[in-house]
Amino acid sequence: MITPGIPKPDFTLTDTRGQPYNFRERTRGKVTLLYFGYTHCPDVCPMQMANIADALHQLPPALARNVAVVFVTTDSERDTPKQLRQWLDGFDTSFVGLTGSLARVNAIIKQTRFLSLAEQERTGPGTYEVGHSAVVLAFARDDSAHLIYPLGVQEAAWAADLKRLADFR
């Protein structure tokens, strides 16, 4: 639990349709899960997205429709809007994917105060991985993040917390 909550960052990036997406405006008043990662991530990112998708499927449909899941890529070189959309659709078609330059994404990450900056780590000639925080920020309907989810939180805990966040004002 974060006290006081982290204000929802104000930024605009490009969504998977190539359109500007103003994060604060488009998620205002919704329970919002914000995650910074990349589609070529070998382990952490797919696990977090799968856990979130499973938790959403445990919620009543009316509540699940009012939860925004926003995935910001930390690898805009490889994560084209099409690649990002295809990858996210493997978890849930309602998930929003956003892309922007690494410098722009890191500027947004700085606004959160809790996350580590993303960095490319060369693993060989022409190959790299992206170091990034493995946590999800959970914003309540008051547009402040009150929870940080590390890797390994069970779906039932996510589902219970999402219900509580929906009631938090």
N, C-alpha and C. Protein backbone atom coordinates (compact mmCIF):
# COMPACT_ATOMS: atom_id res chain seq x y z
N MET A 1 0.85 -1.18 0.00
CA MET A 1 0.00 0.00 0.00
C MET A 1 0.89 1.24 0.00
N ILE A 2 0.56 2.19 -0.83
CA ILE A 2 1.34 3.43 -0.92
C ILE A 2 0.55 4.55 -0.27
N THR A 3 1.18 5.22 0.70
CA THR A 3 0.56 6.35 1.35
C THR A 3 1.55 7.49 1.41
N PRO A 4 1.24 8.66 0.92
CA PRO A 4 0.05 8.97 0.11
C PRO A 4 0.19 8.33 -1.27
N GLY A 5 -0.92 8.26 -1.96
CA GLY A 5 -0.92 7.66 -3.29
C GLY A 5 -0.10 8.47 -4.28
N ILE A 6 0.34 7.80 -5.33
CA ILE A 6 1.09 8.44 -6.41
C ILE A 6 0.09 9.03 -7.39
N PRO A 7 0.18 10.33 -7.69
CA PRO A 7 -0.74 10.89 -8.68
C PRO A 7 -0.55 10.22 -10.04
N LYS A 8 -1.65 10.04 -10.74
CA LYS A 8 -1.60 9.43 -12.07
C LYS A 8 -0.77 10.33 -12.98
N PRO A 9 0.26 9.78 -13.64
CA PRO A 9 1.08 10.63 -14.51
C PRO A 9 0.28 11.14 -15.70
N ASP A 10 0.67 12.31 -16.16
CA ASP A 10 0.01 12.93 -17.30
C ASP A 10 0.94 12.81 -18.50
N PHE A 11 0.55 11.97 -19.46
CA PHE A 11 1.37 11.78 -20.65
C PHE A 11 0.51 11.34 -21.81
N THR A 12 1.03 11.57 -23.00
CA THR A 12 0.39 11.10 -24.22
C THR A 12 1.42 10.31 -25.01
N LEU A 13 1.06 9.09 -25.38
CA LEU A 13 1.89 8.25 -26.24
C LEU A 13 1.01 7.77 -27.39
N THR A 14 1.59 6.96 -28.27
CA THR A 14 0.86 6.44 -29.42
C THR A 14 0.30 5.06 -29.11
N ASP A 15 -1.01 4.87 -29.41
CA ASP A 15 -1.62 3.57 -29.15
C ASP A 15 -1.38 2.63 -30.33
N THR A 16 -1.92 1.44 -30.25
CA THR A 16 -1.65 0.42 -31.27
C THR A 16 -2.37 0.69 -32.58
N ARG A 17 -3.26 1.68 -32.60
CA ARG A 17 -3.90 2.10 -33.86
C ARG A 17 -3.18 3.29 -34.48
N GLY A 18 -2.08 3.72 -33.84
CA GLY A 18 -1.32 4.86 -34.34
C GLY A 18 -1.89 6.20 -33.91
N GLN A 19 -2.81 6.19 -32.94
CA GLN A 19 -3.47 7.40 -32.48
C GLN A 19 -2.88 7.87 -31.15
N PRO A 20 -2.91 9.19 -30.89
CA PRO A 20 -2.47 9.69 -29.58
C PRO A 20 -3.39 9.18 -28.47
N TYR A 21 -2.81 8.80 -27.37
CA TYR A 21 -3.57 8.30 -26.22
C TYR A 21 -3.10 9.08 -25.00
N ASN A 22 -4.00 9.95 -24.48
CA ASN A 22 -3.69 10.71 -23.27
C ASN A 22 -4.06 9.84 -22.08
N PHE A 23 -3.06 9.35 -21.39
CA PHE A 23 -3.26 8.39 -20.30
C PHE A 23 -4.18 8.92 -19.21
N ARG A 24 -3.88 10.08 -18.69
CA ARG A 24 -4.67 10.60 -17.57
C ARG A 24 -6.12 10.85 -17.99
N GLU A 25 -6.30 11.44 -19.15
CA GLU A 25 -7.65 11.74 -19.62
C GLU A 25 -8.46 10.47 -19.92
N ARG A 26 -7.85 9.52 -20.62
CA ARG A 26 -8.58 8.32 -21.06
C ARG A 26 -8.87 7.34 -19.92
N THR A 27 -8.12 7.45 -18.81
CA THR A 27 -8.33 6.52 -17.70
C THR A 27 -8.93 7.22 -16.47
N ARG A 28 -9.29 8.48 -16.61
CA ARG A 28 -9.84 9.24 -15.48
C ARG A 28 -11.05 8.52 -14.87
N GLY A 29 -11.01 8.37 -13.54
CA GLY A 29 -12.13 7.78 -12.83
C GLY A 29 -12.23 6.27 -12.92
N LYS A 30 -11.26 5.62 -13.56
CA LYS A 30 -11.26 4.16 -13.68
C LYS A 30 -10.18 3.55 -12.80
N VAL A 31 -10.42 2.34 -12.37
CA VAL A 31 -9.32 1.58 -11.79
C VAL A 31 -8.38 1.31 -12.95
N THR A 32 -7.10 1.62 -12.77
CA THR A 32 -6.15 1.53 -13.87
C THR A 32 -4.89 0.80 -13.43
N LEU A 33 -4.48 -0.17 -14.23
CA LEU A 33 -3.23 -0.89 -13.98
C LEU A 33 -2.24 -0.45 -15.04
N LEU A 34 -1.10 0.06 -14.61
CA LEU A 34 -0.07 0.59 -15.51
C LEU A 34 1.19 -0.25 -15.37
N TYR A 35 1.67 -0.73 -16.51
CA TYR A 35 2.86 -1.58 -16.52
C TYR A 35 3.78 -1.15 -17.65
N PHE A 36 5.07 -1.10 -17.36
CA PHE A 36 6.09 -0.79 -18.35
C PHE A 36 6.89 -2.06 -18.62
N GLY A 37 6.88 -2.53 -19.87
CA GLY A 37 7.58 -3.75 -20.22
C GLY A 37 7.74 -3.86 -21.72
N TYR A 38 8.02 -5.06 -22.20
CA TYR A 38 8.21 -5.24 -23.64
C TYR A 38 7.82 -6.64 -24.07
N THR A 39 7.42 -6.76 -25.33
CA THR A 39 6.86 -8.02 -25.82
C THR A 39 7.89 -9.13 -25.98
N HIS A 40 9.16 -8.80 -26.11
CA HIS A 40 10.20 -9.81 -26.25
C HIS A 40 10.73 -10.27 -24.89
N CYS A 41 10.13 -9.78 -23.82
CA CYS A 41 10.55 -10.15 -22.47
C CYS A 41 10.38 -11.67 -22.32
N PRO A 42 11.41 -12.35 -21.85
CA PRO A 42 11.34 -13.81 -21.79
C PRO A 42 10.50 -14.38 -20.65
N ASP A 43 10.17 -13.56 -19.64
CA ASP A 43 9.50 -14.16 -18.49
C ASP A 43 8.55 -13.23 -17.74
N VAL A 44 9.03 -12.14 -17.23
CA VAL A 44 8.26 -11.29 -16.31
C VAL A 44 7.03 -10.68 -16.97
N CYS A 45 7.19 -10.06 -18.12
CA CYS A 45 6.06 -9.35 -18.75
C CYS A 45 4.90 -10.28 -19.10
N PRO A 46 5.16 -11.41 -19.76
CA PRO A 46 4.02 -12.28 -20.05
C PRO A 46 3.35 -12.82 -18.79
N MET A 47 4.13 -13.05 -17.75
CA MET A 47 3.55 -13.56 -16.51
C MET A 47 2.65 -12.51 -15.87
N GLN A 48 3.10 -11.25 -15.82
CA GLN A 48 2.28 -10.19 -15.23
C GLN A 48 0.98 -10.01 -16.03
N MET A 49 1.09 -9.98 -17.36
CA MET A 49 -0.11 -9.78 -18.18
C MET A 49 -1.08 -10.95 -18.05
N ALA A 50 -0.56 -12.16 -17.98
CA ALA A 50 -1.42 -13.34 -17.81
C ALA A 50 -2.13 -13.30 -16.46
N ASN A 51 -1.43 -12.91 -15.41
CA ASN A 51 -2.04 -12.81 -14.08
C ASN A 51 -3.15 -11.76 -14.06
N ILE A 52 -2.91 -10.63 -14.70
CA ILE A 52 -3.92 -9.58 -14.76
C ILE A 52 -5.14 -10.06 -15.53
N ALA A 53 -4.91 -10.68 -16.68
CA ALA A 53 -6.03 -11.18 -17.49
C ALA A 53 -6.85 -12.20 -16.70
N ASP A 54 -6.19 -13.11 -16.02
CA ASP A 54 -6.89 -14.10 -15.21
C ASP A 54 -7.71 -13.44 -14.10
N ALA A 55 -7.13 -12.43 -13.46
CA ALA A 55 -7.85 -11.72 -12.39
C ALA A 55 -9.08 -11.00 -12.94
N LEU A 56 -8.95 -10.37 -14.10
CA LEU A 56 -10.09 -9.67 -14.69
C LEU A 56 -11.23 -10.64 -15.01
N HIS A 57 -10.88 -11.84 -15.44
CA HIS A 57 -11.90 -12.83 -15.77
C HIS A 57 -12.63 -13.37 -14.54
N GLN A 58 -12.07 -13.12 -13.35
CA GLN A 58 -12.72 -13.53 -12.10
C GLN A 58 -13.71 -12.47 -11.60
N LEU A 59 -13.65 -11.27 -12.19
CA LEU A 59 -14.51 -10.17 -11.73
C LEU A 59 -15.87 -10.21 -12.41
N PRO A 60 -16.87 -9.62 -11.77
CA PRO A 60 -18.14 -9.44 -12.47
C PRO A 60 -17.90 -8.60 -13.73
N PRO A 61 -18.55 -8.92 -14.84
CA PRO A 61 -18.30 -8.21 -16.11
C PRO A 61 -18.40 -6.69 -16.02
N ALA A 62 -19.36 -6.18 -15.25
CA ALA A 62 -19.52 -4.72 -15.14
C ALA A 62 -18.29 -4.09 -14.50
N LEU A 63 -17.71 -4.74 -13.52
CA LEU A 63 -16.50 -4.22 -12.89
C LEU A 63 -15.30 -4.37 -13.82
N ALA A 64 -15.16 -5.51 -14.45
CA ALA A 64 -14.02 -5.74 -15.35
C ALA A 64 -14.00 -4.71 -16.48
N ARG A 65 -15.16 -4.30 -16.98
CA ARG A 65 -15.21 -3.30 -18.05
C ARG A 65 -14.73 -1.93 -17.60
N ASN A 66 -14.69 -1.70 -16.28
CA ASN A 66 -14.26 -0.42 -15.75
C ASN A 66 -12.84 -0.45 -15.20
N VAL A 67 -12.09 -1.46 -15.59
CA VAL A 67 -10.67 -1.55 -15.25
C VAL A 67 -9.88 -1.35 -16.53
N ALA A 68 -9.02 -0.35 -16.53
CA ALA A 68 -8.16 -0.09 -17.69
C ALA A 68 -6.79 -0.71 -17.43
N VAL A 69 -6.33 -1.52 -18.36
CA VAL A 69 -4.99 -2.10 -18.27
C VAL A 69 -4.17 -1.47 -19.38
N VAL A 70 -3.10 -0.76 -18.97
CA VAL A 70 -2.28 -0.03 -19.94
C VAL A 70 -0.85 -0.54 -19.86
N PHE A 71 -0.38 -1.04 -20.98
CA PHE A 71 0.98 -1.59 -21.12
C PHE A 71 1.78 -0.62 -21.97
N VAL A 72 2.83 -0.04 -21.38
CA VAL A 72 3.71 0.89 -22.10
C VAL A 72 4.99 0.14 -22.45
N THR A 73 5.30 0.06 -23.75
CA THR A 73 6.50 -0.67 -24.13
C THR A 73 7.76 0.13 -23.80
N THR A 74 8.74 -0.60 -23.34
CA THR A 74 10.06 -0.02 -23.08
C THR A 74 11.02 -0.38 -24.22
N ASP A 75 10.46 -0.90 -25.31
CA ASP A 75 11.26 -1.35 -26.46
C ASP A 75 10.57 -0.95 -27.77
N SER A 76 10.51 0.35 -28.00
CA SER A 76 9.81 0.83 -29.20
C SER A 76 10.53 0.46 -30.50
N GLU A 77 11.79 0.05 -30.42
CA GLU A 77 12.51 -0.39 -31.63
C GLU A 77 11.88 -1.66 -32.21
N ARG A 78 11.54 -2.61 -31.35
CA ARG A 78 10.97 -3.87 -31.82
C ARG A 78 9.46 -3.94 -31.67
N ASP A 79 8.92 -3.24 -30.68
CA ASP A 79 7.48 -3.30 -30.42
C ASP A 79 6.72 -2.29 -31.27
N THR A 80 6.50 -2.67 -32.51
CA THR A 80 5.68 -1.83 -33.39
C THR A 80 4.25 -1.86 -32.86
N PRO A 81 3.43 -0.90 -33.24
CA PRO A 81 2.02 -0.96 -32.81
C PRO A 81 1.36 -2.29 -33.17
N LYS A 82 1.63 -2.82 -34.35
CA LYS A 82 1.04 -4.10 -34.76
C LYS A 82 1.52 -5.24 -33.87
N GLN A 83 2.83 -5.31 -33.62
CA GLN A 83 3.41 -6.34 -32.75
C GLN A 83 2.83 -6.24 -31.34
N LEU A 84 2.74 -5.03 -30.84
CA LEU A 84 2.23 -4.80 -29.50
C LEU A 84 0.76 -5.24 -29.39
N ARG A 85 -0.05 -4.88 -30.38
CA ARG A 85 -1.47 -5.25 -30.37
C ARG A 85 -1.64 -6.77 -30.41
N GLN A 86 -0.89 -7.41 -31.28
CA GLN A 86 -0.98 -8.87 -31.41
C GLN A 86 -0.59 -9.55 -30.09
N TRP A 87 0.46 -9.09 -29.47
CA TRP A 87 0.93 -9.68 -28.22
C TRP A 87 -0.10 -9.48 -27.11
N LEU A 88 -0.61 -8.26 -26.96
CA LEU A 88 -1.59 -7.98 -25.91
C LEU A 88 -2.88 -8.76 -26.12
N ASP A 89 -3.30 -8.93 -27.38
CA ASP A 89 -4.52 -9.68 -27.68
C ASP A 89 -4.43 -11.12 -27.20
N GLY A 90 -3.22 -11.64 -27.06
CA GLY A 90 -3.04 -12.98 -26.54
C GLY A 90 -3.43 -13.09 -25.07
N PHE A 91 -3.55 -11.94 -24.40
CA PHE A 91 -3.96 -11.92 -22.99
C PHE A 91 -5.40 -11.43 -22.85
N ASP A 92 -5.68 -10.27 -23.45
CA ASP A 92 -7.03 -9.71 -23.39
C ASP A 92 -7.11 -8.59 -24.42
N THR A 93 -8.13 -8.62 -25.24
CA THR A 93 -8.26 -7.62 -26.31
C THR A 93 -8.57 -6.22 -25.79
N SER A 94 -8.94 -6.10 -24.52
CA SER A 94 -9.22 -4.77 -23.97
C SER A 94 -7.96 -4.06 -23.50
N PHE A 95 -6.84 -4.77 -23.39
CA PHE A 95 -5.61 -4.14 -22.91
C PHE A 95 -5.15 -3.09 -23.90
N VAL A 96 -4.71 -1.95 -23.37
CA VAL A 96 -4.23 -0.84 -24.18
C VAL A 96 -2.71 -0.95 -24.27
N GLY A 97 -2.17 -0.81 -25.48
CA GLY A 97 -0.73 -0.81 -25.68
C GLY A 97 -0.29 0.56 -26.16
N LEU A 98 0.78 1.07 -25.55
CA LEU A 98 1.30 2.40 -25.91
C LEU A 98 2.78 2.33 -26.22
N THR A 99 3.18 3.17 -27.15
CA THR A 99 4.59 3.20 -27.55
C THR A 99 5.07 4.63 -27.68
N GLY A 100 6.35 4.81 -27.44
CA GLY A 100 7.04 6.09 -27.58
C GLY A 100 8.52 5.84 -27.44
N SER A 101 9.31 6.85 -27.65
CA SER A 101 10.76 6.68 -27.55
C SER A 101 11.15 6.28 -26.13
N LEU A 102 12.29 5.62 -26.00
CA LEU A 102 12.76 5.21 -24.68
C LEU A 102 12.96 6.43 -23.79
N ALA A 103 13.46 7.53 -24.34
CA ALA A 103 13.65 8.75 -23.56
C ALA A 103 12.31 9.26 -23.03
N ARG A 104 11.28 9.24 -23.87
CA ARG A 104 9.95 9.70 -23.45
C ARG A 104 9.37 8.76 -22.39
N VAL A 105 9.51 7.46 -22.60
CA VAL A 105 9.00 6.49 -21.63
C VAL A 105 9.71 6.65 -20.29
N ASN A 106 11.02 6.84 -20.30
CA ASN A 106 11.76 7.03 -19.05
C ASN A 106 11.35 8.32 -18.35
N ALA A 107 11.01 9.35 -19.10
CA ALA A 107 10.52 10.59 -18.49
C ALA A 107 9.20 10.33 -17.74
N ILE A 108 8.37 9.47 -18.31
CA ILE A 108 7.10 9.10 -17.66
C ILE A 108 7.39 8.27 -16.41
N ILE A 109 8.30 7.32 -16.53
CA ILE A 109 8.66 6.47 -15.40
C ILE A 109 9.14 7.33 -14.23
N LYS A 110 9.90 8.37 -14.51
CA LYS A 110 10.38 9.27 -13.45
C LYS A 110 9.23 9.90 -12.67
N GLN A 111 8.11 10.15 -13.34
CA GLN A 111 6.96 10.75 -12.67
C GLN A 111 6.39 9.84 -11.58
N THR A 112 6.60 8.53 -11.72
CA THR A 112 6.01 7.58 -10.77
C THR A 112 6.76 7.53 -9.45
N ARG A 113 8.01 7.91 -9.42
CA ARG A 113 8.86 7.93 -8.22
C ARG A 113 9.25 6.56 -7.69
N PHE A 114 8.61 5.49 -8.12
CA PHE A 114 8.87 4.17 -7.54
C PHE A 114 9.52 3.19 -8.50
N LEU A 115 9.51 3.49 -9.79
CA LEU A 115 9.97 2.53 -10.78
C LEU A 115 11.38 2.86 -11.25
N SER A 116 12.12 1.83 -11.62
CA SER A 116 13.46 1.99 -12.18
C SER A 116 13.34 2.35 -13.66
N LEU A 117 14.28 3.14 -14.13
CA LEU A 117 14.29 3.49 -15.55
C LEU A 117 14.58 2.26 -16.39
N ALA A 118 14.04 2.24 -17.60
CA ALA A 118 14.29 1.14 -18.53
C ALA A 118 15.62 1.38 -19.22
N GLU A 119 16.36 0.30 -19.43
CA GLU A 119 17.67 0.38 -20.08
C GLU A 119 17.86 -0.80 -21.01
N GLN A 120 18.41 -0.53 -22.19
CA GLN A 120 18.75 -1.63 -23.10
C GLN A 120 20.07 -2.23 -22.64
N GLU A 121 20.10 -3.55 -22.61
CA GLU A 121 21.30 -4.29 -22.21
C GLU A 121 21.70 -5.18 -23.37
N ARG A 122 22.80 -4.86 -24.02
CA ARG A 122 23.27 -5.65 -25.17
C ARG A 122 23.65 -7.05 -24.70
N THR A 123 23.13 -8.05 -25.40
CA THR A 123 23.43 -9.45 -25.04
C THR A 123 24.29 -10.12 -26.10
N GLY A 124 24.55 -9.43 -27.18
CA GLY A 124 25.36 -9.96 -28.26
C GLY A 124 25.26 -9.04 -29.45
N PRO A 125 25.94 -9.37 -30.54
CA PRO A 125 25.87 -8.52 -31.73
C PRO A 125 24.43 -8.43 -32.25
N GLY A 126 23.87 -7.23 -32.21
CA GLY A 126 22.53 -7.00 -32.72
C GLY A 126 21.40 -7.50 -31.85
N THR A 127 21.71 -7.98 -30.66
CA THR A 127 20.65 -8.47 -29.77
C THR A 127 20.73 -7.74 -28.43
N TYR A 128 19.58 -7.63 -27.80
CA TYR A 128 19.53 -6.96 -26.50
C TYR A 128 18.28 -7.38 -25.75
N GLU A 129 18.33 -7.16 -24.45
CA GLU A 129 17.17 -7.28 -23.58
C GLU A 129 16.96 -5.91 -22.98
N VAL A 130 15.81 -5.71 -22.39
CA VAL A 130 15.51 -4.42 -21.79
C VAL A 130 15.31 -4.61 -20.29
N GLY A 131 16.15 -3.97 -19.50
CA GLY A 131 15.98 -3.99 -18.06
C GLY A 131 14.87 -3.02 -17.69
N HIS A 132 13.93 -3.47 -16.85
CA HIS A 132 12.81 -2.62 -16.46
C HIS A 132 12.25 -3.10 -15.14
N SER A 133 11.45 -2.26 -14.50
CA SER A 133 10.78 -2.66 -13.27
C SER A 133 9.76 -3.74 -13.59
N ALA A 134 9.58 -4.64 -12.67
CA ALA A 134 8.64 -5.74 -12.89
C ALA A 134 7.37 -5.55 -12.08
N VAL A 135 7.03 -4.31 -11.76
CA VAL A 135 5.87 -4.05 -10.92
C VAL A 135 4.77 -3.35 -11.71
N VAL A 136 3.56 -3.54 -11.25
CA VAL A 136 2.38 -2.90 -11.82
C VAL A 136 1.89 -1.86 -10.82
N LEU A 137 1.65 -0.65 -11.31
CA LEU A 137 1.04 0.38 -10.47
C LEU A 137 -0.47 0.26 -10.60
N ALA A 138 -1.17 0.25 -9.46
CA ALA A 138 -2.63 0.13 -9.46
C ALA A 138 -3.24 1.44 -8.96
N PHE A 139 -3.94 2.11 -9.87
CA PHE A 139 -4.58 3.38 -9.56
C PHE A 139 -6.05 3.14 -9.23
N ALA A 140 -6.51 3.74 -8.14
CA ALA A 140 -7.92 3.68 -7.78
C ALA A 140 -8.69 4.72 -8.60
N ARG A 141 -9.99 4.75 -8.39
CA ARG A 141 -10.82 5.69 -9.13
C ARG A 141 -10.54 7.14 -8.75
N ASP A 142 -9.78 7.38 -7.68
CA ASP A 142 -9.39 8.74 -7.31
C ASP A 142 -8.17 9.21 -8.09
N ASP A 143 -7.73 8.40 -9.07
CA ASP A 143 -6.60 8.71 -9.95
C ASP A 143 -5.27 8.81 -9.21
N SER A 144 -5.13 8.04 -8.14
CA SER A 144 -3.86 7.90 -7.43
C SER A 144 -3.55 6.42 -7.30
N ALA A 145 -2.26 6.08 -7.44
CA ALA A 145 -1.83 4.69 -7.25
C ALA A 145 -1.69 4.44 -5.76
N HIS A 146 -2.40 3.43 -5.30
CA HIS A 146 -2.36 3.07 -3.89
C HIS A 146 -1.72 1.71 -3.66
N LEU A 147 -1.49 0.97 -4.74
CA LEU A 147 -0.88 -0.35 -4.63
C LEU A 147 0.18 -0.53 -5.70
N ILE A 148 1.23 -1.25 -5.33
CA ILE A 148 2.26 -1.67 -6.28
C ILE A 148 2.30 -3.18 -6.22
N TYR A 149 2.17 -3.81 -7.39
CA TYR A 149 2.18 -5.26 -7.45
C TYR A 149 3.51 -5.77 -7.99
N PRO A 150 4.28 -6.46 -7.16
CA PRO A 150 5.48 -7.10 -7.67
C PRO A 150 5.11 -8.38 -8.39
N LEU A 151 6.05 -8.98 -9.04
CA LEU A 151 5.83 -10.26 -9.70
C LEU A 151 5.47 -11.31 -8.66
N GLY A 152 4.52 -12.18 -9.00
CA GLY A 152 4.18 -13.29 -8.13
C GLY A 152 2.89 -13.13 -7.35
N VAL A 153 2.19 -12.00 -7.50
CA VAL A 153 0.91 -11.85 -6.82
C VAL A 153 -0.10 -12.78 -7.49
N GLN A 154 -0.84 -13.51 -6.70
CA GLN A 154 -1.81 -14.47 -7.21
C GLN A 154 -3.06 -13.77 -7.76
N GLU A 155 -3.70 -14.42 -8.73
CA GLU A 155 -4.87 -13.85 -9.39
C GLU A 155 -5.98 -13.51 -8.41
N ALA A 156 -6.20 -14.34 -7.41
CA ALA A 156 -7.26 -14.10 -6.43
C ALA A 156 -7.00 -12.82 -5.65
N ALA A 157 -5.74 -12.54 -5.33
CA ALA A 157 -5.40 -11.30 -4.63
C ALA A 157 -5.64 -10.09 -5.54
N TRP A 158 -5.26 -10.22 -6.81
CA TRP A 158 -5.53 -9.14 -7.77
C TRP A 158 -7.03 -8.85 -7.81
N ALA A 159 -7.83 -9.90 -7.98
CA ALA A 159 -9.27 -9.73 -8.13
C ALA A 159 -9.87 -9.06 -6.89
N ALA A 160 -9.47 -9.49 -5.70
CA ALA A 160 -9.98 -8.89 -4.47
C ALA A 160 -9.59 -7.42 -4.38
N ASP A 161 -8.34 -7.11 -4.71
CA ASP A 161 -7.89 -5.72 -4.63
C ASP A 161 -8.58 -4.85 -5.67
N LEU A 162 -8.82 -5.38 -6.86
CA LEU A 162 -9.48 -4.57 -7.89
C LEU A 162 -10.89 -4.18 -7.43
N LYS A 163 -11.57 -5.06 -6.74
CA LYS A 163 -12.89 -4.73 -6.20
C LYS A 163 -12.76 -3.61 -5.16
N ARG A 164 -11.76 -3.70 -4.31
CA ARG A 164 -11.55 -2.65 -3.29
C ARG A 164 -11.17 -1.33 -3.93
N LEU A 165 -10.31 -1.36 -4.95
CA LEU A 165 -9.91 -0.13 -5.62
C LEU A 165 -11.09 0.54 -6.32
N ALA A 166 -12.03 -0.25 -6.83
CA ALA A 166 -13.20 0.32 -7.48
C ALA A 166 -14.07 1.09 -6.49
N ASP A 167 -14.04 0.69 -5.23
CA ASP A 167 -14.84 1.36 -4.20
C ASP A 167 -14.08 2.50 -3.53
N PHE A 168 -12.78 2.60 -3.76
CA PHE A 168 -11.95 3.62 -3.09
C PHE A 168 -12.21 4.97 -3.74
N ARG A 169 -12.43 5.97 -2.93
CA ARG A 169 -12.65 7.34 -3.45
C ARG A 169 -11.83 8.33 -2.68
